[in-house]
Amino acid sequence: MLRFSIDETPFAGEGPKQYVARMSIEKAKEGFRIADGLAPVTLPVLAADTIVVADGEILGKPDSEQQGLAMLRLLSGSIHRVITAVTMLTEAGIETVSSDTEVAFRVLRESEINAYWASGEPADKAGGYAIQGLGSIFVSHIKGSYSGVVGLPLNETAGLLESVGIRCL
């Protein structure tokens, strides 16, 4: 299995959009480096990163059960943002686009929060939930890109692919 060695610590004073774009760019560069070490890379490299922003705080993947439960409690009954940046790295350079979506959670019962964590689904997800899975039952509405919340905004990604001559249809 290939391992990425990227420090995902936000820089001091770095805003959420700048942070997620930087992470996407770093992942594209790291993907290129790893792939190029296996065989010469001539195709574009595509990478993405997703974050959840609640009360101005960037929520990455929870480090522990305690942190995961705290994230779900923070999101309960509120609106948060999900920002996904997608980067295309080619021989011609790097291009990054992003998707910014508002997600509203209904008020969650403590028993739901605990049962959801126990399902194992939120442990490896930004913000501690997956809209494409069981976490969808918490979402009352979204304003923006569903696929961006999942982790790859398809409209924006299609535009990047088109820019290097790869047609989706």
Protein backbone atom coordinates (compact mmCIF):
# COMPACT_ATOMS: atom_id res chain seq x y z
CA MET A 1 0.00 0.00 0.00
CA LEU A 2 1.29 3.46 -0.90
CA ARG A 3 1.68 5.90 1.99
CA PHE A 4 1.45 9.66 1.76
CA SER A 5 3.78 11.68 3.96
CA ILE A 6 1.94 14.98 4.13
CA ASP A 7 1.72 17.08 7.27
CA GLU A 8 -1.94 18.10 7.45
CA THR A 9 -1.47 20.70 10.17
CA PRO A 10 -2.99 24.07 9.21
CA PHE A 11 -0.56 26.99 9.09
CA ALA A 12 -1.04 29.84 11.57
CA GLY A 13 -3.53 32.31 10.10
CA GLU A 14 -4.40 30.02 7.18
CA GLY A 15 -8.08 30.20 6.21
CA PRO A 16 -10.14 27.10 5.44
CA LYS A 17 -10.17 27.62 1.65
CA GLN A 18 -6.43 28.23 1.55
CA TYR A 19 -5.81 25.21 3.76
CA VAL A 20 -7.90 22.75 1.73
CA ALA A 21 -6.39 24.01 -1.56
CA ARG A 22 -2.89 23.57 -0.14
CA MET A 23 -3.71 20.03 1.00
CA SER A 24 -5.11 19.15 -2.42
CA ILE A 25 -2.01 20.51 -4.15
CA GLU A 26 0.31 18.67 -1.75
CA LYS A 27 -1.57 15.41 -2.34
CA ALA A 28 -1.32 15.85 -6.12
CA LYS A 29 2.43 16.47 -5.86
CA GLU A 30 2.90 13.50 -3.56
CA GLY A 31 0.79 11.29 -5.85
CA PHE A 32 2.91 12.36 -8.80
CA ARG A 33 6.13 11.70 -6.88
CA ILE A 34 5.01 8.21 -5.86
CA ALA A 35 3.65 7.31 -9.31
CA ASP A 36 6.72 8.69 -11.07
CA GLY A 37 8.88 6.47 -8.87
CA LEU A 38 7.05 3.43 -10.21
CA ALA A 39 6.95 4.41 -13.89
CA PRO A 40 7.33 7.64 -15.88
CA VAL A 41 4.13 9.65 -15.45
CA THR A 42 2.67 11.28 -18.55
CA LEU A 43 -1.00 11.39 -17.57
CA PRO A 44 -2.50 14.11 -15.39
CA VAL A 45 -2.59 13.49 -11.66
CA LEU A 46 -5.85 14.34 -9.90
CA ALA A 47 -6.10 14.82 -6.12
CA ALA A 48 -8.72 16.17 -3.75
CA ASP A 49 -9.12 17.08 -0.12
CA THR A 50 -12.27 17.78 1.90
CA ILE A 51 -12.77 19.64 5.16
CA VAL A 52 -15.72 20.53 7.34
CA VAL A 53 -15.85 24.02 8.84
CA ALA A 54 -18.05 24.67 11.88
CA ASP A 55 -17.97 27.84 13.96
CA GLY A 56 -14.84 28.89 12.03
CA GLU A 57 -13.00 25.70 13.07
CA ILE A 58 -11.59 23.24 10.54
CA LEU A 59 -12.78 19.74 11.39
CA GLY A 60 -10.62 17.04 9.89
CA LYS A 61 -10.92 13.33 10.58
CA PRO A 62 -11.48 12.60 14.27
CA ASP A 63 -8.39 11.36 16.10
CA SER A 64 -10.40 9.56 18.76
CA GLU A 65 -13.89 8.53 19.81
CA GLN A 66 -14.01 11.51 22.16
CA GLN A 67 -13.16 13.91 19.32
CA GLY A 68 -15.60 12.22 16.93
CA LEU A 69 -18.47 12.49 19.41
CA ALA A 70 -17.58 16.14 20.09
CA MET A 71 -17.67 16.88 16.34
CA LEU A 72 -21.12 15.36 15.97
CA ARG A 73 -22.38 17.33 18.98
CA LEU A 74 -20.97 20.53 17.45
CA LEU A 75 -22.72 19.84 14.12
CA SER A 76 -26.04 18.93 15.77
CA GLY A 77 -28.78 21.46 15.04
CA SER A 78 -26.52 23.76 13.05
CA ILE A 79 -25.31 24.69 9.59
CA HIS A 80 -21.70 24.00 8.64
CA ARG A 81 -19.64 24.24 5.45
CA VAL A 82 -17.97 21.45 3.54
CA ILE A 83 -15.15 22.61 1.26
CA THR A 84 -13.51 20.27 -1.23
CA ALA A 85 -10.55 21.33 -3.35
CA VAL A 86 -9.58 19.37 -6.46
CA THR A 87 -6.17 19.72 -8.08
CA MET A 88 -5.05 18.67 -11.55
CA LEU A 89 -1.27 18.37 -11.98
CA THR A 90 0.07 18.11 -15.53
CA GLU A 91 3.34 18.81 -17.28
CA ALA A 92 1.90 22.26 -18.04
CA GLY A 93 1.32 23.10 -14.37
CA ILE A 94 -1.17 22.89 -11.51
CA GLU A 95 -4.81 23.99 -11.46
CA THR A 96 -7.02 23.87 -8.38
CA VAL A 97 -10.77 24.44 -8.09
CA SER A 98 -13.02 24.17 -5.08
CA SER A 99 -16.59 23.49 -4.04
CA ASP A 100 -18.15 25.11 -0.98
CA THR A 101 -21.43 23.65 0.31
CA GLU A 102 -23.63 24.48 3.29
CA VAL A 103 -24.95 21.45 5.16
CA ALA A 104 -27.66 21.65 7.82
CA PHE A 105 -27.95 18.98 10.50
CA ARG A 106 -31.10 18.42 12.49
CA VAL A 107 -30.76 18.20 16.26
CA LEU A 108 -29.19 14.85 17.11
CA ARG A 109 -30.07 12.73 20.13
CA GLU A 110 -27.14 11.59 22.25
CA SER A 111 -28.15 7.98 21.62
CA GLU A 112 -27.90 8.59 17.84
CA ILE A 113 -24.48 10.18 18.18
CA ASN A 114 -23.20 7.20 20.17
CA ALA A 115 -24.80 4.62 17.86
CA TYR A 116 -23.42 6.38 14.79
CA TRP A 117 -19.90 6.40 16.20
CA ALA A 118 -20.28 2.72 17.13
CA SER A 119 -21.11 1.95 13.45
CA GLY A 120 -17.48 2.77 12.58
CA GLU A 121 -18.47 4.99 9.66
CA PRO A 122 -17.40 8.38 11.04
CA ALA A 123 -13.90 7.39 12.19
CA ASP A 124 -12.20 8.18 8.87
CA LYS A 125 -14.37 11.05 7.65
CA ALA A 126 -13.85 14.81 7.71
CA GLY A 127 -16.16 16.26 10.33
CA GLY A 128 -16.90 12.78 11.62
CA TYR A 129 -19.70 11.87 9.21
CA ALA A 130 -20.40 10.53 5.73
CA ILE A 131 -23.31 12.08 3.85
CA GLN A 132 -23.24 9.14 1.42
CA GLY A 133 -23.77 6.67 4.25
CA LEU A 134 -25.60 6.47 7.54
CA GLY A 135 -24.70 10.09 8.28
CA SER A 136 -27.25 11.16 5.67
CA ILE A 137 -30.06 10.70 8.20
CA PHE A 138 -28.75 13.73 10.10
CA VAL A 139 -28.86 16.09 7.08
CA SER A 140 -31.98 18.24 6.84
CA HIS A 141 -30.80 20.09 3.72
CA ILE A 142 -27.79 21.17 1.70
CA LYS A 143 -27.05 24.21 -0.41
CA GLY A 144 -24.39 23.40 -2.97
CA SER A 145 -22.74 20.27 -4.29
CA TYR A 146 -23.74 16.88 -2.88
CA SER A 147 -20.78 15.23 -4.63
CA GLY A 148 -18.51 17.89 -3.12
CA VAL A 149 -19.67 16.86 0.35
CA VAL A 150 -19.00 13.22 -0.55
CA GLY A 151 -15.44 14.27 -1.39
CA LEU A 152 -15.15 14.81 -5.15
CA PRO A 153 -17.23 17.62 -6.68
CA LEU A 154 -18.04 16.09 -10.04
CA ASN A 155 -18.98 19.30 -11.88
CA GLU A 156 -15.68 20.97 -10.96
CA THR A 157 -13.70 17.78 -11.62
CA ALA A 158 -15.27 17.42 -15.07
CA GLY A 159 -14.14 20.98 -15.84
CA LEU A 160 -10.56 20.17 -14.84
CA LEU A 161 -10.58 17.02 -16.94
CA GLU A 162 -11.99 18.92 -19.94
CA SER A 163 -9.19 21.48 -19.56
CA VAL A 164 -6.64 18.75 -20.33
CA GLY A 165 -8.67 17.14 -23.12
CA ILE A 166 -10.38 14.40 -21.15
CA ARG A 167 -14.11 14.37 -21.92
CA CYS A 168 -16.54 12.89 -19.43
CA LEU A 169 -19.24 12.38 -22.05
